[in-house]
N, C-alpha and C. Protein backbone atom coordinates (compact mmCIF):
# COMPACT_ATOMS: atom_id res chain seq x y z
N MET A 1 10.69 -5.02 29.69
CA MET A 1 10.65 -6.14 28.78
C MET A 1 12.07 -6.64 28.54
N LYS A 2 12.25 -7.91 28.75
CA LYS A 2 13.57 -8.51 28.61
C LYS A 2 13.78 -8.99 27.17
N SER A 3 14.95 -8.65 26.61
CA SER A 3 15.23 -9.09 25.24
C SER A 3 15.92 -10.45 25.28
N THR A 4 15.55 -11.27 24.33
CA THR A 4 16.15 -12.59 24.25
C THR A 4 17.32 -12.56 23.28
N LYS A 5 18.07 -13.64 23.29
CA LYS A 5 19.23 -13.73 22.42
C LYS A 5 18.81 -13.70 20.94
N SER A 6 17.69 -14.34 20.61
CA SER A 6 17.23 -14.35 19.21
C SER A 6 16.82 -12.95 18.76
N ASP A 7 16.26 -12.14 19.69
CA ASP A 7 15.92 -10.76 19.36
C ASP A 7 17.18 -9.96 19.06
N ASP A 8 18.22 -10.17 19.86
CA ASP A 8 19.48 -9.46 19.64
C ASP A 8 20.10 -9.83 18.30
N VAL A 9 20.06 -11.10 17.94
CA VAL A 9 20.61 -11.55 16.67
C VAL A 9 19.82 -10.95 15.52
N GLU A 10 18.49 -10.95 15.64
CA GLU A 10 17.66 -10.38 14.58
C GLU A 10 17.91 -8.88 14.43
N THR A 11 18.13 -8.19 15.54
CA THR A 11 18.41 -6.76 15.47
C THR A 11 19.75 -6.50 14.78
N ARG A 12 20.76 -7.30 15.12
CA ARG A 12 22.07 -7.13 14.48
C ARG A 12 21.98 -7.41 12.99
N VAL A 13 21.24 -8.44 12.61
CA VAL A 13 21.07 -8.77 11.19
C VAL A 13 20.36 -7.63 10.47
N GLY A 14 19.34 -7.08 11.09
CA GLY A 14 18.63 -5.95 10.49
C GLY A 14 19.52 -4.75 10.25
N TRP A 15 20.36 -4.43 11.23
CA TRP A 15 21.27 -3.29 11.07
C TRP A 15 22.32 -3.56 10.00
N ARG A 16 22.78 -4.81 9.91
CA ARG A 16 23.75 -5.14 8.87
C ARG A 16 23.12 -5.03 7.49
N MET A 17 21.88 -5.47 7.36
CA MET A 17 21.19 -5.35 6.07
C MET A 17 20.96 -3.89 5.70
N ALA A 18 20.64 -3.07 6.68
CA ALA A 18 20.48 -1.64 6.43
C ALA A 18 21.82 -1.03 5.99
N GLY A 19 22.90 -1.50 6.59
CA GLY A 19 24.23 -1.02 6.18
C GLY A 19 24.55 -1.41 4.74
N LEU A 20 24.14 -2.61 4.34
CA LEU A 20 24.36 -3.04 2.96
C LEU A 20 23.57 -2.15 1.99
N ALA A 21 22.34 -1.79 2.36
CA ALA A 21 21.54 -0.91 1.51
C ALA A 21 22.19 0.46 1.39
N GLY A 22 22.70 0.97 2.49
CA GLY A 22 23.39 2.26 2.46
C GLY A 22 24.64 2.21 1.61
N GLU A 23 25.32 1.08 1.63
CA GLU A 23 26.52 0.92 0.82
C GLU A 23 26.18 0.94 -0.67
N VAL A 24 25.08 0.29 -1.04
CA VAL A 24 24.66 0.30 -2.45
C VAL A 24 24.35 1.73 -2.90
N VAL A 25 23.62 2.46 -2.09
CA VAL A 25 23.27 3.85 -2.42
C VAL A 25 24.53 4.69 -2.56
N SER A 26 25.50 4.51 -1.67
CA SER A 26 26.72 5.31 -1.75
C SER A 26 27.52 4.98 -3.00
N HIS A 27 27.53 3.72 -3.44
CA HIS A 27 28.23 3.36 -4.67
C HIS A 27 27.59 4.04 -5.88
N VAL A 28 26.27 4.03 -5.94
CA VAL A 28 25.56 4.66 -7.06
C VAL A 28 25.81 6.16 -7.07
N LEU A 29 25.71 6.79 -5.91
CA LEU A 29 25.95 8.23 -5.83
C LEU A 29 27.40 8.59 -6.19
N ALA A 30 28.34 7.80 -5.73
CA ALA A 30 29.75 8.07 -6.05
C ALA A 30 30.01 7.92 -7.54
N GLY A 31 29.45 6.88 -8.16
CA GLY A 31 29.61 6.69 -9.60
C GLY A 31 28.99 7.83 -10.38
N GLY A 32 27.79 8.26 -9.97
CA GLY A 32 27.14 9.40 -10.63
C GLY A 32 27.93 10.69 -10.46
N LEU A 33 28.46 10.91 -9.27
CA LEU A 33 29.25 12.13 -9.03
C LEU A 33 30.53 12.13 -9.86
N LEU A 34 31.22 11.00 -9.90
CA LEU A 34 32.44 10.93 -10.72
C LEU A 34 32.12 11.12 -12.20
N GLY A 35 31.02 10.54 -12.65
CA GLY A 35 30.60 10.73 -14.04
C GLY A 35 30.26 12.18 -14.34
N TRP A 36 29.56 12.82 -13.41
CA TRP A 36 29.21 14.22 -13.59
C TRP A 36 30.47 15.10 -13.63
N LEU A 37 31.43 14.81 -12.74
CA LEU A 37 32.68 15.57 -12.74
C LEU A 37 33.44 15.39 -14.05
N LEU A 38 33.51 14.16 -14.55
CA LEU A 38 34.18 13.92 -15.83
C LEU A 38 33.45 14.62 -16.98
N ASP A 39 32.11 14.61 -16.93
CA ASP A 39 31.34 15.31 -17.97
C ASP A 39 31.65 16.79 -17.97
N SER A 40 31.69 17.39 -16.79
CA SER A 40 31.94 18.83 -16.73
C SER A 40 33.39 19.16 -17.10
N TRP A 41 34.32 18.28 -16.76
CA TRP A 41 35.72 18.53 -17.06
C TRP A 41 36.02 18.32 -18.54
N LEU A 42 35.45 17.27 -19.14
CA LEU A 42 35.72 16.95 -20.54
C LEU A 42 34.68 17.55 -21.49
N ASP A 43 33.69 18.26 -20.96
CA ASP A 43 32.63 18.87 -21.76
C ASP A 43 31.94 17.83 -22.64
N SER A 44 31.49 16.76 -22.01
CA SER A 44 30.80 15.68 -22.73
C SER A 44 29.48 15.41 -22.01
N GLU A 45 28.74 14.43 -22.50
CA GLU A 45 27.43 14.15 -21.91
C GLU A 45 27.20 12.67 -21.61
N TYR A 46 28.18 11.84 -21.73
CA TYR A 46 27.94 10.41 -21.57
C TYR A 46 28.62 9.81 -20.35
N TRP A 47 29.54 10.52 -19.73
CA TRP A 47 30.26 9.95 -18.59
C TRP A 47 29.38 9.74 -17.37
N ILE A 48 28.35 10.58 -17.23
CA ILE A 48 27.47 10.40 -16.06
C ILE A 48 26.72 9.07 -16.16
N VAL A 49 26.32 8.71 -17.38
CA VAL A 49 25.63 7.42 -17.57
C VAL A 49 26.59 6.27 -17.26
N ILE A 50 27.80 6.37 -17.75
CA ILE A 50 28.80 5.33 -17.49
C ILE A 50 29.09 5.24 -15.99
N GLY A 51 29.19 6.39 -15.33
CA GLY A 51 29.43 6.41 -13.89
C GLY A 51 28.28 5.79 -13.10
N LEU A 52 27.06 6.09 -13.50
CA LEU A 52 25.90 5.53 -12.81
C LEU A 52 25.83 4.01 -13.01
N ILE A 53 26.08 3.56 -14.23
CA ILE A 53 26.07 2.11 -14.48
C ILE A 53 27.17 1.43 -13.68
N ALA A 54 28.36 2.01 -13.66
CA ALA A 54 29.46 1.44 -12.88
C ALA A 54 29.11 1.44 -11.39
N GLY A 55 28.47 2.51 -10.90
CA GLY A 55 28.07 2.57 -9.50
C GLY A 55 27.03 1.52 -9.15
N ILE A 56 26.07 1.31 -10.05
CA ILE A 56 25.06 0.28 -9.82
C ILE A 56 25.69 -1.10 -9.77
N LEU A 57 26.57 -1.37 -10.73
CA LEU A 57 27.22 -2.69 -10.78
C LEU A 57 28.09 -2.94 -9.55
N THR A 58 28.89 -1.95 -9.17
CA THR A 58 29.74 -2.16 -7.99
C THR A 58 28.91 -2.22 -6.71
N GLY A 59 27.81 -1.47 -6.66
CA GLY A 59 26.93 -1.53 -5.51
C GLY A 59 26.26 -2.89 -5.37
N LEU A 60 25.80 -3.44 -6.49
CA LEU A 60 25.20 -4.78 -6.44
C LEU A 60 26.23 -5.83 -6.07
N LEU A 61 27.43 -5.71 -6.60
CA LEU A 61 28.48 -6.66 -6.24
C LEU A 61 28.79 -6.59 -4.74
N ALA A 62 28.89 -5.39 -4.21
CA ALA A 62 29.14 -5.23 -2.77
C ALA A 62 28.00 -5.79 -1.94
N MET A 63 26.75 -5.60 -2.41
CA MET A 63 25.61 -6.13 -1.68
C MET A 63 25.60 -7.66 -1.68
N ILE A 64 25.89 -8.26 -2.82
CA ILE A 64 25.92 -9.72 -2.91
C ILE A 64 27.02 -10.29 -2.03
N ARG A 65 28.20 -9.68 -2.09
CA ARG A 65 29.30 -10.16 -1.25
C ARG A 65 28.98 -10.01 0.23
N GLY A 66 28.38 -8.90 0.61
CA GLY A 66 28.01 -8.68 2.01
C GLY A 66 26.93 -9.63 2.47
N ALA A 67 25.95 -9.90 1.60
CA ALA A 67 24.88 -10.83 1.96
C ALA A 67 25.42 -12.25 2.10
N LEU A 68 26.33 -12.64 1.22
CA LEU A 68 26.91 -13.98 1.34
C LEU A 68 27.76 -14.10 2.61
N ARG A 69 28.49 -13.04 2.94
CA ARG A 69 29.28 -13.05 4.18
C ARG A 69 28.37 -13.15 5.39
N LEU A 70 27.28 -12.40 5.39
CA LEU A 70 26.33 -12.44 6.50
C LEU A 70 25.68 -13.82 6.59
N HIS A 71 25.36 -14.42 5.46
CA HIS A 71 24.78 -15.75 5.46
C HIS A 71 25.75 -16.78 6.05
N ARG A 72 27.03 -16.68 5.68
CA ARG A 72 28.02 -17.61 6.23
C ARG A 72 28.15 -17.44 7.74
N GLN A 73 28.11 -16.19 8.21
CA GLN A 73 28.22 -15.95 9.65
C GLN A 73 27.02 -16.49 10.40
N LEU A 74 25.84 -16.35 9.83
CA LEU A 74 24.64 -16.84 10.50
C LEU A 74 24.51 -18.34 10.43
N ASP A 75 24.95 -18.92 9.32
CA ASP A 75 24.82 -20.36 9.13
C ASP A 75 25.86 -21.11 9.95
N GLY A 76 26.99 -20.50 10.21
CA GLY A 76 28.05 -21.14 10.98
C GLY A 76 28.82 -22.15 10.17
N PRO A 77 29.71 -22.87 10.83
CA PRO A 77 30.52 -23.87 10.11
C PRO A 77 29.70 -25.11 9.81
N SER A 78 28.99 -25.07 8.72
CA SER A 78 28.13 -26.18 8.34
C SER A 78 28.73 -26.92 7.15
N LYS A 79 28.63 -28.22 7.18
CA LYS A 79 29.16 -29.02 6.08
C LYS A 79 28.02 -29.66 5.30
N ARG A 80 26.82 -29.15 5.49
CA ARG A 80 25.68 -29.68 4.75
C ARG A 80 25.74 -29.22 3.30
N PRO A 81 25.31 -30.08 2.38
CA PRO A 81 25.25 -29.65 0.98
C PRO A 81 24.20 -28.57 0.81
N LEU A 82 24.34 -27.79 -0.24
CA LEU A 82 23.41 -26.71 -0.52
C LEU A 82 22.00 -27.29 -0.70
N GLY A 83 21.06 -26.76 0.02
CA GLY A 83 19.68 -27.22 -0.08
C GLY A 83 19.31 -28.31 0.91
N ALA A 84 20.29 -28.92 1.57
CA ALA A 84 20.00 -29.99 2.53
C ALA A 84 19.55 -29.38 3.85
N LYS A 85 18.60 -30.01 4.50
CA LYS A 85 18.10 -29.51 5.77
C LYS A 85 18.81 -30.22 6.91
N LYS A 86 18.81 -29.58 8.05
CA LYS A 86 19.46 -30.17 9.22
C LYS A 86 18.76 -31.47 9.58
N GLY A 87 19.53 -32.52 9.77
CA GLY A 87 18.99 -33.81 10.11
C GLY A 87 18.78 -34.72 8.91
N ASP A 88 18.93 -34.18 7.69
CA ASP A 88 18.81 -35.03 6.50
C ASP A 88 20.01 -35.96 6.42
N ASN A 89 19.80 -37.13 5.88
CA ASN A 89 20.90 -38.05 5.67
C ASN A 89 21.66 -37.64 4.42
N GLY A 90 22.96 -37.59 4.54
CA GLY A 90 23.81 -37.26 3.40
C GLY A 90 23.95 -38.46 2.48
N PRO A 91 24.80 -38.36 1.45
CA PRO A 91 24.98 -39.46 0.53
C PRO A 91 25.56 -40.70 1.19
N SER A 92 26.30 -40.53 2.29
CA SER A 92 26.90 -41.69 2.95
C SER A 92 26.00 -42.23 4.06
N GLY A 93 24.84 -41.61 4.26
CA GLY A 93 23.90 -42.10 5.27
C GLY A 93 24.17 -41.53 6.64
N GLU A 94 25.12 -40.61 6.78
CA GLU A 94 25.43 -40.03 8.08
C GLU A 94 24.44 -38.92 8.41
N GLN A 95 24.26 -38.71 9.68
CA GLN A 95 23.46 -37.57 10.13
C GLN A 95 24.34 -36.34 10.11
N SER A 96 23.82 -35.21 9.61
CA SER A 96 24.64 -33.99 9.61
C SER A 96 24.30 -33.13 10.79
């Protein structure tokens, strides 16, 4: 079975999305681990929660940035306004 170029692109996109998911998980685990270490070192009980929240926030930020970067790479150098479809007339009446 011969693979087409669109299949290759879809496979690369899938692997990149899986990498983004792995990155989110690693941020949450790292935040939880750092919180747990601080809790055990300072003999407290709240740093793990702070670490997990920080890990979730940084993981989501990394996922959003990665998804936007992937979107820009897939969309290419486009000058269309947000929401405009290919072939729509812009405000000046030009074809994009």
